[in-house]
């Protein structure tokens, strides 16, 4: 089975943060570095609002941050 370096943080009550694109609170899940166990910087993650926001950035993406 393939293991990935970065995985979405497992959901626990209160660990979702504000989305950097839409600004809605408690709807953004961060990525975790599985080698270190630490959270990735706050721009890396996925928003729960896929239809209205659609923000998703994987830690190895080299594209600039969205506006």
PDB file of N, CA and C in Angstrom:
ATOM      1  N   UNK A   1       0.840  -1.175   0.000  1.00  0.00           N
ATOM      2  CA  UNK A   1       0.000   0.000   0.000  1.00  0.00           C
ATOM      3  C   UNK A   1       0.885   1.239   0.000  1.00  0.00           C
ATOM      4  N   UNK A   2       0.528   2.198  -0.836  1.00  0.00           N
ATOM      5  CA  UNK A   2       1.328   3.404  -0.966  1.00  0.00           C
ATOM      6  C   UNK A   2       1.007   4.378   0.170  1.00  0.00           C
ATOM      7  N   UNK A   3       2.046   4.933   0.773  1.00  0.00           N
ATOM      8  CA  UNK A   3       1.836   5.949   1.795  1.00  0.00           C
ATOM      9  C   UNK A   3       2.239   7.300   1.226  1.00  0.00           C
ATOM     10  N   UNK A   4       1.491   8.300   1.563  1.00  0.00           N
ATOM     11  CA  UNK A   4       1.729   9.640   1.056  1.00  0.00           C
ATOM     12  C   UNK A   4       2.416  10.483   2.122  1.00  0.00           C
ATOM     13  N   UNK A   5       3.230  11.428   1.670  1.00  0.00           N
ATOM     14  CA  UNK A   5       3.930  12.300   2.605  1.00  0.00           C
ATOM     15  C   UNK A   5       2.958  13.244   3.298  1.00  0.00           C
ATOM     16  N   UNK A   6       1.959  13.740   2.557  1.00  0.00           N
ATOM     17  CA  UNK A   6       1.006  14.692   3.123  1.00  0.00           C
ATOM     18  C   UNK A   6      -0.392  14.092   3.105  1.00  0.00           C
ATOM     19  N   UNK A   7      -1.085  14.228   4.221  1.00  0.00           N
ATOM     20  CA  UNK A   7      -2.459  13.752   4.328  1.00  0.00           C
ATOM     21  C   UNK A   7      -3.291  14.823   4.998  1.00  0.00           C
ATOM     22  N   UNK A   8      -4.590  14.819   4.712  1.00  0.00           N
ATOM     23  CA  UNK A   8      -5.482  15.742   5.395  1.00  0.00           C
ATOM     24  C   UNK A   8      -5.548  15.378   6.868  1.00  0.00           C
ATOM     25  N   UNK A   9      -5.617  16.406   7.686  1.00  0.00           N
ATOM     26  CA  UNK A   9      -5.670  16.210   9.132  1.00  0.00           C
ATOM     27  C   UNK A   9      -6.959  15.479   9.495  1.00  0.00           C
ATOM     28  N   UNK A  10      -6.843  14.483  10.344  1.00  0.00           N
ATOM     29  CA  UNK A  10      -8.011  13.716  10.778  1.00  0.00           C
ATOM     30  C   UNK A  10      -8.953  14.645  11.536  1.00  0.00           C
ATOM     31  N   UNK A  11     -10.245  14.523  11.246  1.00  0.00           N
ATOM     32  CA  UNK A  11     -11.215  15.427  11.857  1.00  0.00           C
ATOM     33  C   UNK A  11     -11.400  15.134  13.338  1.00  0.00           C
ATOM     34  N   UNK A  12     -11.199  16.151  14.127  1.00  0.00           N
ATOM     35  CA  UNK A  12     -11.547  16.151  15.540  1.00  0.00           C
ATOM     36  C   UNK A  12     -12.282  17.462  15.788  1.00  0.00           C
ATOM     37  N   UNK A  13     -13.210  17.452  16.676  1.00  0.00           N
ATOM     38  CA  UNK A  13     -14.001  18.662  16.937  1.00  0.00           C
ATOM     39  C   UNK A  13     -13.075  19.838  17.264  1.00  0.00           C
ATOM     40  N   UNK A  14     -13.242  20.913  16.506  1.00  0.00           N
ATOM     41  CA  UNK A  14     -12.483  22.133  16.765  1.00  0.00           C
ATOM     42  C   UNK A  14     -11.160  22.270  16.031  1.00  0.00           C
ATOM     43  N   UNK A  15     -10.795  21.325  15.146  1.00  0.00           N
ATOM     44  CA  UNK A  15      -9.498  21.463  14.478  1.00  0.00           C
ATOM     45  C   UNK A  15      -9.597  22.060  13.079  1.00  0.00           C
ATOM     46  N   UNK A  16     -10.803  22.405  12.628  1.00  0.00           N
ATOM     47  CA  UNK A  16     -10.932  23.086  11.335  1.00  0.00           C
ATOM     48  C   UNK A  16     -10.731  24.577  11.542  1.00  0.00           C
ATOM     49  N   UNK A  17     -10.159  25.236  10.538  1.00  0.00           N
ATOM     50  CA  UNK A  17      -9.818  26.650  10.644  1.00  0.00           C
ATOM     51  C   UNK A  17     -10.543  27.449   9.565  1.00  0.00           C
ATOM     52  N   UNK A  18     -10.315  28.758   9.548  1.00  0.00           N
ATOM     53  CA  UNK A  18     -10.926  29.642   8.565  1.00  0.00           C
ATOM     54  C   UNK A  18     -10.271  29.460   7.200  1.00  0.00           C
ATOM     55  N   UNK A  19     -11.073  29.392   6.160  1.00  0.00           N
ATOM     56  CA  UNK A  19     -10.576  29.221   4.791  1.00  0.00           C
ATOM     57  C   UNK A  19      -9.868  30.495   4.339  1.00  0.00           C
ATOM     58  N   UNK A  20      -8.664  30.376   3.754  1.00  0.00           N
ATOM     59  CA  UNK A  20      -7.938  31.564   3.303  1.00  0.00           C
ATOM     60  C   UNK A  20      -8.573  32.251   2.096  1.00  0.00           C
ATOM     61  N   UNK A  21      -9.434  31.555   1.357  1.00  0.00           N
ATOM     62  CA  UNK A  21     -10.044  32.155   0.170  1.00  0.00           C
ATOM     63  C   UNK A  21     -11.416  32.754   0.463  1.00  0.00           C
ATOM     64  N   UNK A  22     -12.332  31.966   1.011  1.00  0.00           N
ATOM     65  CA  UNK A  22     -13.696  32.471   1.220  1.00  0.00           C
ATOM     66  C   UNK A  22     -13.881  33.132   2.579  1.00  0.00           C
ATOM     67  N   UNK A  23     -12.986  32.870   3.527  1.00  0.00           N
ATOM     68  CA  UNK A  23     -13.055  33.511   4.836  1.00  0.00           C
ATOM     69  C   UNK A  23     -14.077  32.930   5.787  1.00  0.00           C
ATOM     70  N   UNK A  24     -14.710  31.833   5.409  1.00  0.00           N
ATOM     71  CA  UNK A  24     -15.700  31.219   6.293  1.00  0.00           C
ATOM     72  C   UNK A  24     -14.982  30.449   7.405  1.00  0.00           C
ATOM     73  N   UNK A  25     -15.445  30.611   8.645  1.00  0.00           N
ATOM     74  CA  UNK A  25     -14.776  29.943   9.769  1.00  0.00           C
ATOM     75  C   UNK A  25     -15.116  28.453   9.847  1.00  0.00           C
ATOM     76  N   UNK A  26     -14.193  27.689  10.416  1.00  0.00           N
ATOM     77  CA  UNK A  26     -14.375  26.265  10.711  1.00  0.00           C
ATOM     78  C   UNK A  26     -14.809  25.422   9.517  1.00  0.00           C
ATOM     79  N   UNK A  27     -14.220  25.683   8.344  1.00  0.00           N
ATOM     80  CA  UNK A  27     -14.580  24.885   7.166  1.00  0.00           C
ATOM     81  C   UNK A  27     -13.340  24.462   6.378  1.00  0.00           C
ATOM     82  N   UNK A  28     -12.139  24.698   6.896  1.00  0.00           N
ATOM     83  CA  UNK A  28     -10.907  24.425   6.157  1.00  0.00           C
ATOM     84  C   UNK A  28     -10.088  23.377   6.893  1.00  0.00           C
ATOM     85  N   UNK A  29      -9.769  22.286   6.190  1.00  0.00           N
ATOM     86  CA  UNK A  29      -8.980  21.203   6.756  1.00  0.00           C
ATOM     87  C   UNK A  29      -7.549  21.318   6.258  1.00  0.00           C
ATOM     88  N   UNK A  30      -6.602  21.346   7.178  1.00  0.00           N
ATOM     89  CA  UNK A  30      -5.185  21.475   6.843  1.00  0.00           C
ATOM     90  C   UNK A  30      -4.571  20.128   6.488  1.00  0.00           C
ATOM     91  N   UNK A  31      -3.448  20.180   5.764  1.00  0.00           N
ATOM     92  CA  UNK A  31      -2.646  18.988   5.515  1.00  0.00           C
ATOM     93  C   UNK A  31      -1.633  18.820   6.639  1.00  0.00           C
ATOM     94  N   UNK A  32      -1.254  17.550   6.885  1.00  0.00           N
ATOM     95  CA  UNK A  32      -0.261  17.211   7.896  1.00  0.00           C
ATOM     96  C   UNK A  32       0.887  16.493   7.200  1.00  0.00           C
ATOM     97  N   UNK A  33       2.113  16.846   7.573  1.00  0.00           N
ATOM     98  CA  UNK A  33       3.300  16.160   7.070  1.00  0.00           C
ATOM     99  C   UNK A  33       3.445  14.862   7.864  1.00  0.00           C
ATOM    100  N   UNK A  34       3.329  13.716   7.197  1.00  0.00           N
ATOM    101  CA  UNK A  34       3.348  12.440   7.907  1.00  0.00           C
ATOM    102  C   UNK A  34       4.739  12.070   8.416  1.00  0.00           C
ATOM    103  N   UNK A  35       5.786  12.691   7.885  1.00  0.00           N
ATOM    104  CA  UNK A  35       7.137  12.413   8.374  1.00  0.00           C
ATOM    105  C   UNK A  35       7.413  13.103   9.705  1.00  0.00           C
ATOM    106  N   UNK A  36       6.944  14.340   9.840  1.00  0.00           N
ATOM    107  CA  UNK A  36       7.206  15.107  11.059  1.00  0.00           C
ATOM    108  C   UNK A  36       6.020  15.115  12.014  1.00  0.00           C
ATOM    109  N   UNK A  37       4.819  14.879  11.491  1.00  0.00           N
ATOM    110  CA  UNK A  37       3.622  14.919  12.314  1.00  0.00           C
ATOM    111  C   UNK A  37       3.107  16.327  12.552  1.00  0.00           C
ATOM    112  N   UNK A  38       3.712  17.319  11.919  1.00  0.00           N
ATOM    113  CA  UNK A  38       3.318  18.708  12.114  1.00  0.00           C
ATOM    114  C   UNK A  38       2.383  19.173  11.003  1.00  0.00           C
ATOM    115  N   UNK A  39       1.553  20.179  11.345  1.00  0.00           N
ATOM    116  CA  UNK A  39       0.667  20.776  10.348  1.00  0.00           C
ATOM    117  C   UNK A  39       1.481  21.519   9.301  1.00  0.00           C
ATOM    118  N   UNK A  40       1.012  21.497   8.072  1.00  0.00           N
ATOM    119  CA  UNK A  40       1.610  22.291   7.004  1.00  0.00           C
ATOM    120  C   UNK A  40       1.192  23.745   7.186  1.00  0.00           C
ATOM    121  N   UNK A  41       1.846  24.689   6.498  1.00  0.00           N
ATOM    122  CA  UNK A  41       1.432  26.095   6.591  1.00  0.00           C
ATOM    123  C   UNK A  41      -0.051  26.266   6.258  1.00  0.00           C
ATOM    124  N   UNK A  42      -0.667  27.339   6.766  1.00  0.00           N
ATOM    125  CA  UNK A  42      -2.125  27.481   6.669  1.00  0.00           C
ATOM    126  C   UNK A  42      -2.710  27.642   5.272  1.00  0.00           C
ATOM    127  N   UNK A  43      -1.904  27.838   4.243  1.00  0.00           N
ATOM    128  CA  UNK A  43      -2.472  27.945   2.892  1.00  0.00           C
ATOM    129  C   UNK A  43      -2.674  26.570   2.255  1.00  0.00           C
ATOM    130  N   UNK A  44      -2.191  25.510   2.883  1.00  0.00           N
ATOM    131  CA  UNK A  44      -2.317  24.169   2.320  1.00  0.00           C
ATOM    132  C   UNK A  44      -3.448  23.402   2.986  1.00  0.00           C
ATOM    133  N   UNK A  45      -4.468  23.105   2.195  1.00  0.00           N
ATOM    134  CA  UNK A  45      -5.605  22.363   2.710  1.00  0.00           C
ATOM    135  C   UNK A  45      -6.750  22.387   1.716  1.00  0.00           C
ATOM    136  N   UNK A  46      -7.941  22.067   2.219  1.00  0.00           N
ATOM    137  CA  UNK A  46      -9.122  22.008   1.364  1.00  0.00           C
ATOM    138  C   UNK A  46     -10.324  22.598   2.107  1.00  0.00           C
ATOM    139  N   UNK A  47     -11.115  23.360   1.370  1.00  0.00           N
ATOM    140  CA  UNK A  47     -12.324  23.981   1.921  1.00  0.00           C
ATOM    141  C   UNK A  47     -13.500  23.024   1.765  1.00  0.00           C
ATOM    142  N   UNK A  48     -14.373  23.002   2.769  1.00  0.00           N
ATOM    143  CA  UNK A  48     -15.571  22.158   2.711  1.00  0.00           C
ATOM    144  C   UNK A  48     -16.575  22.641   1.671  1.00  0.00           C
ATOM    145  N   UNK A  49     -16.518  23.903   1.300  1.00  0.00           N
ATOM    146  CA  UNK A  49     -17.479  24.490   0.369  1.00  0.00           C
ATOM    147  C   UNK A  49     -16.981  24.314  -1.070  1.00  0.00           C
ATOM    148  N   UNK A  50     -17.113  23.115  -1.581  1.00  0.00           N
ATOM    149  CA  UNK A  50     -16.563  22.790  -2.905  1.00  0.00           C
ATOM    150  C   UNK A  50     -17.254  23.528  -4.038  1.00  0.00           C
ATOM    151  N   UNK A  51     -18.548  23.763  -3.930  1.00  0.00           N
ATOM    152  CA  UNK A  51     -19.279  24.419  -5.015  1.00  0.00           C
ATOM    153  C   UNK A  51     -19.097  25.924  -5.010  1.00  0.00           C
ATOM    154  N   UNK A  52     -19.152  26.552  -3.851  1.00  0.00           N
ATOM    155  CA  UNK A  52     -19.077  28.007  -3.801  1.00  0.00           C
ATOM    156  C   UNK A  52     -17.644  28.523  -3.710  1.00  0.00           C
ATOM    157  N   UNK A  53     -16.756  27.808  -3.059  1.00  0.00           N
ATOM    158  CA  UNK A  53     -15.371  28.265  -2.890  1.00  0.00           C
ATOM    159  C   UNK A  53     -14.417  27.427  -3.751  1.00  0.00           C
ATOM    160  N   UNK A  54     -14.355  26.139  -3.465  1.00  0.00           N
ATOM    161  CA  UNK A  54     -13.537  25.226  -4.259  1.00  0.00           C
ATOM    162  C   UNK A  54     -12.048  25.294  -4.013  1.00  0.00           C
ATOM    163  N   UNK A  55     -11.610  25.977  -2.948  1.00  0.00           N
ATOM    164  CA  UNK A  55     -10.176  26.108  -2.681  1.00  0.00           C
ATOM    165  C   UNK A  55      -9.585  24.767  -2.261  1.00  0.00           C
ATOM    166  N   UNK A  56      -8.490  24.381  -2.914  1.00  0.00           N
ATOM    167  CA  UNK A  56      -7.750  23.177  -2.558  1.00  0.00           C
ATOM    168  C   UNK A  56      -6.319  23.370  -3.014  1.00  0.00           C
ATOM    169  N   UNK A  57      -5.391  23.273  -2.087  1.00  0.00           N
ATOM    170  CA  UNK A  57      -3.983  23.404  -2.429  1.00  0.00           C
ATOM    171  C   UNK A  57      -3.203  22.317  -1.714  1.00  0.00           C
ATOM    172  N   UNK A  58      -2.514  21.486  -2.509  1.00  0.00           N
ATOM    173  CA  UNK A  58      -1.685  20.415  -1.981  1.00  0.00           C
ATOM    174  C   UNK A  58      -0.298  20.973  -1.668  1.00  0.00           C
ATOM    175  N   UNK A  59       0.374  20.525  -0.626  1.00  0.00           N
ATOM    176  CA  UNK A  59       1.654  21.100  -0.221  1.00  0.00           C
ATOM    177  C   UNK A  59       2.759  21.120  -1.272  1.00  0.00           C
ATOM    178  N   UNK A  60       2.733  20.255  -2.263  1.00  0.00           N
ATOM    179  CA  UNK A  60       3.806  20.276  -3.256  1.00  0.00           C
ATOM    180  C   UNK A  60       3.477  21.165  -4.448  1.00  0.00           C
ATOM    181  N   UNK A  61       2.280  21.787  -4.455  1.00  0.00           N
ATOM    182  CA  UNK A  61       1.925  22.700  -5.544  1.00  0.00           C
ATOM    183  C   UNK A  61       2.890  23.878  -5.540  1.00  0.00           C
ATOM    184  N   UNK A  62       3.395  24.220  -6.704  1.00  0.00           N
ATOM    185  CA  UNK A  62       4.312  25.353  -6.803  1.00  0.00           C
ATOM    186  C   UNK A  62       3.614  26.611  -7.330  1.00  0.00           C
ATOM    187  N   UNK A  63       2.306  26.521  -7.565  1.00  0.00           N
ATOM    188  CA  UNK A  63       1.546  27.676  -8.050  1.00  0.00           C
ATOM    189  C   UNK A  63       1.462  28.737  -6.955  1.00  0.00           C
ATOM    190  N   UNK A  64       1.412  30.003  -7.336  1.00  0.00           N
ATOM    191  CA  UNK A  64       1.294  31.053  -6.330  1.00  0.00           C
ATOM    192  C   UNK A  64      -0.051  30.980  -5.613  1.00  0.00           C
ATOM    193  N   UNK A  65      -0.103  31.587  -4.429  1.00  0.00           N
ATOM    194  CA  UNK A  65      -1.331  31.593  -3.639  1.00  0.00           C
ATOM    195  C   UNK A  65      -2.437  32.318  -4.382  1.00  0.00           C
ATOM    196  N   UNK A  66      -3.681  31.838  -4.277  1.00  0.00           N
ATOM    197  CA  UNK A  66      -4.786  32.537  -4.938  1.00  0.00           C
ATOM    198  C   UNK A  66      -5.029  33.893  -4.279  1.00  0.00           C
ATOM    199  N   UNK A  67      -5.658  34.820  -4.990  1.00  0.00           N
ATOM    200  CA  UNK A  67      -5.877  36.154  -4.416  1.00  0.00           C
ATOM    201  C   UNK A  67      -6.785  36.139  -3.211  1.00  0.00           C
TER     202      UNK A  67
END
